Amino acid sequence: MFERINQIIKNIENIQDEIIITLNMAKITLEEYIMIKRGSADMPEHLNMSLFMTIDEQVMALKKEIDTLNKLKREWFVF
C-alpha cells in the first residue's frame, strides 16, 4: 500500500519539476497559467502556443496523479 502511495507522490514531484521548468521557459507563473486557462487573463504575446500546450499537458498529468491519490484515500481510509 505504501509503495503505491510513494510512487504517486514521486510522480507528482517529477511532474511538478517539469511544470516549473516549462513555466520558467514560458516566463509565466502558475497563477498566470490558471488565469489564462480560465479566460480571466489574455495570453501574453511572448507566450508560445506549444509551450502553453506543454504546460497544459503536464497540469493534466498532475491532476490525474492527484485524482489517483484521492481515489486511493477514499478506497483505503474510509472507515
N, C-alpha and C. Protein backbone atom coordinates (compact mmCIF):
# COMPACT_ATOMS: atom_id res chain seq x y z
N MET A 1 0.82 -1.18 0.00
CA MET A 1 0.00 0.00 0.00
C MET A 1 0.87 1.26 0.00
N PHE A 2 1.86 1.30 0.90
CA PHE A 2 2.72 2.48 0.96
C PHE A 2 3.56 2.63 -0.29
N GLU A 3 3.90 1.53 -0.93
CA GLU A 3 4.68 1.61 -2.17
C GLU A 3 3.90 2.37 -3.24
N ARG A 4 2.62 2.06 -3.34
CA ARG A 4 1.77 2.72 -4.33
C ARG A 4 1.65 4.22 -4.02
N ILE A 5 1.45 4.55 -2.78
CA ILE A 5 1.36 5.96 -2.38
C ILE A 5 2.68 6.68 -2.65
N ASN A 6 3.78 6.05 -2.30
CA ASN A 6 5.09 6.65 -2.54
C ASN A 6 5.35 6.86 -4.02
N GLN A 7 4.90 5.93 -4.86
CA GLN A 7 5.09 6.07 -6.31
C GLN A 7 4.27 7.24 -6.84
N ILE A 8 3.06 7.38 -6.37
CA ILE A 8 2.22 8.51 -6.80
C ILE A 8 2.85 9.82 -6.37
N ILE A 9 3.34 9.89 -5.15
CA ILE A 9 3.99 11.11 -4.66
C ILE A 9 5.23 11.43 -5.48
N LYS A 10 6.00 10.41 -5.82
CA LYS A 10 7.19 10.62 -6.65
C LYS A 10 6.78 11.14 -8.03
N ASN A 11 5.71 10.58 -8.60
CA ASN A 11 5.22 11.06 -9.89
C ASN A 11 4.80 12.52 -9.81
N ILE A 12 4.11 12.87 -8.73
CA ILE A 12 3.68 14.25 -8.53
C ILE A 12 4.89 15.18 -8.45
N GLU A 13 5.91 14.79 -7.72
CA GLU A 13 7.11 15.61 -7.60
C GLU A 13 7.80 15.78 -8.95
N ASN A 14 7.87 14.71 -9.74
CA ASN A 14 8.50 14.79 -11.07
C ASN A 14 7.71 15.70 -11.99
N ILE A 15 6.40 15.58 -11.96
CA ILE A 15 5.56 16.43 -12.79
C ILE A 15 5.69 17.88 -12.35
N GLN A 16 5.75 18.11 -11.04
CA GLN A 16 5.92 19.46 -10.53
C GLN A 16 7.20 20.08 -11.07
N ASP A 17 8.28 19.32 -11.05
CA ASP A 17 9.55 19.82 -11.59
C ASP A 17 9.42 20.20 -13.06
N GLU A 18 8.74 19.35 -13.83
CA GLU A 18 8.55 19.63 -15.26
C GLU A 18 7.70 20.87 -15.47
N ILE A 19 6.67 21.03 -14.66
CA ILE A 19 5.81 22.22 -14.78
C ILE A 19 6.62 23.48 -14.47
N ILE A 20 7.41 23.43 -13.43
CA ILE A 20 8.23 24.60 -13.05
C ILE A 20 9.19 24.97 -14.17
N ILE A 21 9.84 23.98 -14.74
CA ILE A 21 10.79 24.24 -15.84
C ILE A 21 10.07 24.87 -17.03
N THR A 22 8.93 24.30 -17.40
CA THR A 22 8.19 24.80 -18.56
C THR A 22 7.62 26.19 -18.29
N LEU A 23 7.13 26.42 -17.07
CA LEU A 23 6.65 27.77 -16.73
C LEU A 23 7.78 28.79 -16.83
N ASN A 24 8.96 28.41 -16.37
CA ASN A 24 10.11 29.32 -16.47
C ASN A 24 10.48 29.58 -17.92
N MET A 25 10.41 28.55 -18.75
CA MET A 25 10.68 28.73 -20.19
C MET A 25 9.66 29.66 -20.82
N ALA A 26 8.40 29.55 -20.38
CA ALA A 26 7.33 30.38 -20.92
C ALA A 26 7.29 31.77 -20.29
N LYS A 27 8.05 31.95 -19.22
CA LYS A 27 8.13 33.22 -18.49
C LYS A 27 6.76 33.65 -17.95
N ILE A 28 6.05 32.67 -17.38
CA ILE A 28 4.80 32.95 -16.70
C ILE A 28 4.78 32.19 -15.38
N THR A 29 3.88 32.56 -14.50
CA THR A 29 3.72 31.85 -13.23
C THR A 29 2.56 30.87 -13.36
N LEU A 30 2.45 30.00 -12.38
CA LEU A 30 1.33 29.06 -12.37
C LEU A 30 0.01 29.82 -12.25
N GLU A 31 0.01 30.88 -11.46
CA GLU A 31 -1.19 31.69 -11.32
C GLU A 31 -1.59 32.32 -12.65
N GLU A 32 -0.61 32.80 -13.40
CA GLU A 32 -0.91 33.37 -14.72
C GLU A 32 -1.46 32.30 -15.66
N TYR A 33 -0.88 31.10 -15.62
CA TYR A 33 -1.38 30.00 -16.44
C TYR A 33 -2.85 29.72 -16.10
N ILE A 34 -3.16 29.64 -14.81
CA ILE A 34 -4.53 29.34 -14.38
C ILE A 34 -5.48 30.44 -14.86
N MET A 35 -5.08 31.68 -14.73
CA MET A 35 -5.93 32.79 -15.16
C MET A 35 -6.16 32.75 -16.67
N ILE A 36 -5.13 32.42 -17.43
CA ILE A 36 -5.27 32.29 -18.88
C ILE A 36 -6.21 31.14 -19.21
N LYS A 37 -6.01 30.03 -18.55
CA LYS A 37 -6.82 28.84 -18.79
C LYS A 37 -8.29 29.11 -18.47
N ARG A 38 -8.57 29.85 -17.41
CA ARG A 38 -9.94 30.19 -17.02
C ARG A 38 -10.56 31.25 -17.92
N GLY A 39 -9.73 31.94 -18.68
CA GLY A 39 -10.22 33.02 -19.53
C GLY A 39 -10.27 34.34 -18.81
N SER A 40 -9.68 34.40 -17.62
CA SER A 40 -9.67 35.64 -16.85
C SER A 40 -8.54 36.57 -17.25
N ALA A 41 -7.61 36.05 -18.03
CA ALA A 41 -6.48 36.86 -18.50
C ALA A 41 -6.18 36.47 -19.94
N ASP A 42 -5.63 37.42 -20.67
CA ASP A 42 -5.24 37.16 -22.05
C ASP A 42 -3.87 36.50 -22.08
N MET A 43 -3.64 35.73 -23.14
CA MET A 43 -2.35 35.08 -23.30
C MET A 43 -1.32 36.15 -23.70
N PRO A 44 -0.20 36.21 -22.98
CA PRO A 44 0.83 37.19 -23.34
C PRO A 44 1.36 36.95 -24.76
N GLU A 45 1.74 38.03 -25.41
CA GLU A 45 2.25 37.93 -26.79
C GLU A 45 3.50 37.07 -26.87
N HIS A 46 4.32 37.10 -25.83
CA HIS A 46 5.58 36.36 -25.86
C HIS A 46 5.39 34.85 -25.66
N LEU A 47 4.19 34.44 -25.23
CA LEU A 47 3.95 33.04 -24.90
C LEU A 47 3.71 32.22 -26.16
N ASN A 48 4.56 31.24 -26.36
CA ASN A 48 4.46 30.33 -27.49
C ASN A 48 3.33 29.34 -27.21
N MET A 49 2.47 29.11 -28.19
CA MET A 49 1.32 28.21 -28.00
C MET A 49 1.77 26.79 -27.69
N SER A 50 2.87 26.35 -28.26
CA SER A 50 3.34 24.99 -27.98
C SER A 50 3.79 24.85 -26.52
N LEU A 51 4.40 25.89 -25.97
CA LEU A 51 4.77 25.87 -24.55
C LEU A 51 3.53 25.85 -23.67
N PHE A 52 2.52 26.62 -24.07
CA PHE A 52 1.28 26.63 -23.31
C PHE A 52 0.63 25.25 -23.32
N MET A 53 0.63 24.60 -24.46
CA MET A 53 0.05 23.25 -24.57
C MET A 53 0.86 22.25 -23.75
N THR A 54 2.17 22.42 -23.70
CA THR A 54 3.02 21.54 -22.88
C THR A 54 2.68 21.70 -21.41
N ILE A 55 2.53 22.94 -20.98
CA ILE A 55 2.13 23.20 -19.59
C ILE A 55 0.78 22.55 -19.33
N ASP A 56 -0.14 22.72 -20.26
CA ASP A 56 -1.48 22.16 -20.11
C ASP A 56 -1.43 20.63 -19.96
N GLU A 57 -0.62 19.97 -20.76
CA GLU A 57 -0.47 18.51 -20.67
C GLU A 57 0.10 18.09 -19.33
N GLN A 58 1.09 18.83 -18.85
CA GLN A 58 1.70 18.50 -17.57
C GLN A 58 0.75 18.73 -16.41
N VAL A 59 -0.04 19.79 -16.48
CA VAL A 59 -1.03 20.07 -15.43
C VAL A 59 -2.08 18.97 -15.43
N MET A 60 -2.48 18.50 -16.61
CA MET A 60 -3.45 17.40 -16.67
C MET A 60 -2.86 16.12 -16.08
N ALA A 61 -1.58 15.88 -16.33
CA ALA A 61 -0.92 14.70 -15.74
C ALA A 61 -0.88 14.83 -14.22
N LEU A 62 -0.63 16.04 -13.73
CA LEU A 62 -0.63 16.29 -12.29
C LEU A 62 -2.01 16.04 -11.71
N LYS A 63 -3.02 16.54 -12.38
CA LYS A 63 -4.40 16.33 -11.93
C LYS A 63 -4.72 14.84 -11.88
N LYS A 64 -4.28 14.09 -12.86
CA LYS A 64 -4.54 12.65 -12.90
C LYS A 64 -3.90 11.96 -11.70
N GLU A 65 -2.66 12.31 -11.37
CA GLU A 65 -1.99 11.71 -10.22
C GLU A 65 -2.67 12.07 -8.91
N ILE A 66 -3.09 13.33 -8.79
CA ILE A 66 -3.79 13.75 -7.58
C ILE A 66 -5.13 13.03 -7.46
N ASP A 67 -5.83 12.88 -8.59
CA ASP A 67 -7.09 12.14 -8.58
C ASP A 67 -6.87 10.69 -8.16
N THR A 68 -5.79 10.08 -8.63
CA THR A 68 -5.47 8.70 -8.25
C THR A 68 -5.21 8.61 -6.75
N LEU A 69 -4.46 9.57 -6.22
CA LEU A 69 -4.19 9.60 -4.79
C LEU A 69 -5.48 9.76 -3.99
N ASN A 70 -6.35 10.63 -4.44
CA ASN A 70 -7.64 10.82 -3.76
C ASN A 70 -8.49 9.56 -3.83
N LYS A 71 -8.45 8.87 -4.95
CA LYS A 71 -9.21 7.62 -5.10
C LYS A 71 -8.70 6.58 -4.11
N LEU A 72 -7.40 6.46 -3.99
CA LEU A 72 -6.83 5.52 -3.03
C LEU A 72 -7.22 5.89 -1.61
N LYS A 73 -7.23 7.17 -1.33
CA LYS A 73 -7.63 7.64 0.01
C LYS A 73 -9.06 7.20 0.31
N ARG A 74 -9.94 7.40 -0.65
CA ARG A 74 -11.34 7.00 -0.44
C ARG A 74 -11.48 5.49 -0.29
N GLU A 75 -10.74 4.73 -1.07
CA GLU A 75 -10.85 3.27 -1.03
C GLU A 75 -10.26 2.69 0.24
N TRP A 76 -9.13 3.21 0.70
CA TRP A 76 -8.41 2.59 1.79
C TRP A 76 -8.72 3.17 3.15
N PHE A 77 -9.07 4.43 3.20
CA PHE A 77 -9.13 5.08 4.50
C PHE A 77 -10.52 5.58 4.89
N VAL A 78 -11.55 5.01 4.28
CA VAL A 78 -12.91 5.35 4.68
C VAL A 78 -13.35 4.31 5.69
N PHE A 79 -13.62 4.77 6.88
CA PHE A 79 -13.98 3.84 7.97
C PHE A 79 -15.45 4.00 8.30
